[in-house]
Amino acid sequence: MATCTHLDEIGDVTPSSWGCEDCLAAGRRDWVHLRVCQECGHVGCCDQSPGKHATAHFHAVSHPIIRSYEPGEDWYWCYVDSIMFELDGAPAAPSHP
């Protein structure tokens, strides 16, 4: 079974925005789902969104792990290891209003 090798890069982050910060800066609100960078708290939109800002953030700064910012979802994704996972004992998942 594959495992994420970047768990040590998960921090206790505060989401940077209530929505995709890059879309909001461009005057857009057409994201589908939101993701939070687990290293710096950047909120970006998912790859089904027109901007794909969560992945763009990874390519720009190489922070490997995001977490869902959707109500009721508690999963992580590691871009480097290409793996989705959940963590036992993780702090409660943040969710946007």
C-alpha atoms as a PDB file:
ATOM      1  CA  MET A   1       0.000   0.000   0.000  1.00  0.00           C
ATOM      2  CA  ALA A   2       1.389   3.404  -0.979  1.00  0.00           C
ATOM      3  CA  THR A   3       1.826   6.046   1.692  1.00  0.00           C
ATOM      4  CA  CYS A   4       2.486   9.763   1.674  1.00  0.00           C
ATOM      5  CA  THR A   5       6.105  10.595   2.448  1.00  0.00           C
ATOM      6  CA  HIS A   6       5.364  14.260   3.258  1.00  0.00           C
ATOM      7  CA  LEU A   7       3.265  13.983   6.410  1.00  0.00           C
ATOM      8  CA  ASP A   8       5.831  16.060   8.301  1.00  0.00           C
ATOM      9  CA  GLU A   9       4.871  19.026   6.116  1.00  0.00           C
ATOM     10  CA  ILE A  10       1.291  19.165   7.420  1.00  0.00           C
ATOM     11  CA  GLY A  11       0.953  22.197   9.662  1.00  0.00           C
ATOM     12  CA  ASP A  12      -1.731  23.693  11.866  1.00  0.00           C
ATOM     13  CA  VAL A  13      -2.774  26.206   9.231  1.00  0.00           C
ATOM     14  CA  THR A  14      -5.486  28.835   9.114  1.00  0.00           C
ATOM     15  CA  PRO A  15      -7.232  29.076   5.733  1.00  0.00           C
ATOM     16  CA  SER A  16      -6.237  32.287   3.957  1.00  0.00           C
ATOM     17  CA  SER A  17      -9.731  33.076   2.688  1.00  0.00           C
ATOM     18  CA  TRP A  18     -13.376  31.962   2.702  1.00  0.00           C
ATOM     19  CA  GLY A  19     -13.095  31.241  -1.042  1.00  0.00           C
ATOM     20  CA  CYS A  20     -10.421  30.698  -3.671  1.00  0.00           C
ATOM     21  CA  GLU A  21      -8.132  33.643  -3.040  1.00  0.00           C
ATOM     22  CA  ASP A  22      -6.880  33.747  -6.645  1.00  0.00           C
ATOM     23  CA  CYS A  23     -10.398  33.682  -8.120  1.00  0.00           C
ATOM     24  CA  LEU A  24     -11.557  36.366  -5.678  1.00  0.00           C
ATOM     25  CA  ALA A  25      -8.558  38.555  -6.598  1.00  0.00           C
ATOM     26  CA  ALA A  26      -9.608  38.248 -10.250  1.00  0.00           C
ATOM     27  CA  GLY A  27     -13.235  39.107  -9.430  1.00  0.00           C
ATOM     28  CA  ARG A  28     -14.474  35.550 -10.038  1.00  0.00           C
ATOM     29  CA  ARG A  29     -16.506  33.125  -7.934  1.00  0.00           C
ATOM     30  CA  ASP A  30     -16.842  30.233 -10.381  1.00  0.00           C
ATOM     31  CA  TRP A  31     -14.933  27.597  -8.436  1.00  0.00           C
ATOM     32  CA  VAL A  32     -16.397  24.108  -7.935  1.00  0.00           C
ATOM     33  CA  HIS A  33     -14.621  22.917  -4.767  1.00  0.00           C
ATOM     34  CA  LEU A  34     -11.995  24.420  -2.487  1.00  0.00           C
ATOM     35  CA  ARG A  35      -8.707  23.063  -1.120  1.00  0.00           C
ATOM     36  CA  VAL A  36      -6.384  24.333   1.648  1.00  0.00           C
ATOM     37  CA  CYS A  37      -2.598  24.077   1.415  1.00  0.00           C
ATOM     38  CA  GLN A  38      -1.382  22.284   4.528  1.00  0.00           C
ATOM     39  CA  GLU A  39       1.878  24.190   4.657  1.00  0.00           C
ATOM     40  CA  CYS A  40       0.760  27.826   4.326  1.00  0.00           C
ATOM     41  CA  GLY A  41      -3.072  27.886   4.388  1.00  0.00           C
ATOM     42  CA  HIS A  42      -3.555  29.106   0.786  1.00  0.00           C
ATOM     43  CA  VAL A  43      -7.133  28.446  -0.341  1.00  0.00           C
ATOM     44  CA  GLY A  44      -7.363  27.440  -3.984  1.00  0.00           C
ATOM     45  CA  CYS A  45      -9.956  25.915  -6.269  1.00  0.00           C
ATOM     46  CA  CYS A  46      -9.938  22.291  -7.426  1.00  0.00           C
ATOM     47  CA  ASP A  47      -8.963  20.944 -10.834  1.00  0.00           C
ATOM     48  CA  GLN A  48     -12.626  20.805 -11.917  1.00  0.00           C
ATOM     49  CA  SER A  49     -12.747  24.594 -11.475  1.00  0.00           C
ATOM     50  CA  PRO A  50     -11.731  26.878 -14.363  1.00  0.00           C
ATOM     51  CA  GLY A  51      -8.770  28.348 -12.450  1.00  0.00           C
ATOM     52  CA  LYS A  52      -7.298  25.131 -10.992  1.00  0.00           C
ATOM     53  CA  HIS A  53      -5.605  27.389  -8.423  1.00  0.00           C
ATOM     54  CA  ALA A  54      -4.818  24.722  -5.782  1.00  0.00           C
ATOM     55  CA  THR A  55      -2.679  22.823  -8.290  1.00  0.00           C
ATOM     56  CA  ALA A  56      -1.209  26.074  -9.627  1.00  0.00           C
ATOM     57  CA  HIS A  57      -0.180  26.930  -6.046  1.00  0.00           C
ATOM     58  CA  PHE A  58       1.593  23.565  -5.745  1.00  0.00           C
ATOM     59  CA  HIS A  59       3.483  24.164  -9.003  1.00  0.00           C
ATOM     60  CA  ALA A  60       4.452  27.688  -7.904  1.00  0.00           C
ATOM     61  CA  VAL A  61       5.684  26.924  -4.377  1.00  0.00           C
ATOM     62  CA  SER A  62       6.019  23.093  -4.134  1.00  0.00           C
ATOM     63  CA  HIS A  63       3.894  22.716  -0.994  1.00  0.00           C
ATOM     64  CA  PRO A  64       2.923  19.048  -1.428  1.00  0.00           C
ATOM     65  CA  ILE A  65      -0.282  18.497   0.580  1.00  0.00           C
ATOM     66  CA  ILE A  66      -3.756  19.985   0.337  1.00  0.00           C
ATOM     67  CA  ARG A  67      -6.867  19.228   2.368  1.00  0.00           C
ATOM     68  CA  SER A  68     -10.467  19.473   1.283  1.00  0.00           C
ATOM     69  CA  TYR A  69     -12.171  22.704   2.363  1.00  0.00           C
ATOM     70  CA  GLU A  70     -15.640  21.280   1.773  1.00  0.00           C
ATOM     71  CA  PRO A  71     -18.186  20.626   4.540  1.00  0.00           C
ATOM     72  CA  GLY A  72     -18.222  16.963   5.562  1.00  0.00           C
ATOM     73  CA  GLU A  73     -14.979  16.067   3.754  1.00  0.00           C
ATOM     74  CA  ASP A  74     -11.873  15.134   5.724  1.00  0.00           C
ATOM     75  CA  TRP A  75      -9.331  13.950   3.148  1.00  0.00           C
ATOM     76  CA  TYR A  76      -5.868  15.070   2.095  1.00  0.00           C
ATOM     77  CA  TRP A  77      -4.076  14.851  -1.268  1.00  0.00           C
ATOM     78  CA  CYS A  78      -0.322  14.712  -1.763  1.00  0.00           C
ATOM     79  CA  TYR A  79       0.682  16.053  -5.179  1.00  0.00           C
ATOM     80  CA  VAL A  80       4.171  14.547  -5.019  1.00  0.00           C
ATOM     81  CA  ASP A  81       3.093  11.024  -4.061  1.00  0.00           C
ATOM     82  CA  SER A  82      -0.224  11.191  -6.002  1.00  0.00           C
ATOM     83  CA  ILE A  83      -2.184   9.770  -3.096  1.00  0.00           C
ATOM     84  CA  MET A  84      -5.402  10.644  -1.274  1.00  0.00           C
ATOM     85  CA  PHE A  85      -5.563   9.787   2.417  1.00  0.00           C
ATOM     86  CA  GLU A  86      -7.223  10.494   5.757  1.00  0.00           C
ATOM     87  CA  LEU A  87      -5.409  10.783   9.077  1.00  0.00           C
ATOM     88  CA  ASP A  88      -6.594   9.272  12.334  1.00  0.00           C
ATOM     89  CA  GLY A  89      -6.475  11.881  15.063  1.00  0.00           C
ATOM     90  CA  ALA A  90      -6.208  14.812  12.624  1.00  0.00           C
ATOM     91  CA  PRO A  91      -7.648  18.119  13.784  1.00  0.00           C
ATOM     92  CA  ALA A  92     -11.180  18.810  12.616  1.00  0.00           C
ATOM     93  CA  ALA A  93     -11.312  19.646   8.933  1.00  0.00           C
ATOM     94  CA  PRO A  94     -11.822  23.318   8.177  1.00  0.00           C
ATOM     95  CA  SER A  95     -14.807  24.228   6.046  1.00  0.00           C
ATOM     96  CA  HIS A  96     -15.713  27.455   4.362  1.00  0.00           C
ATOM     97  CA  PRO A  97     -18.908  29.286   5.292  1.00  0.00           C
END
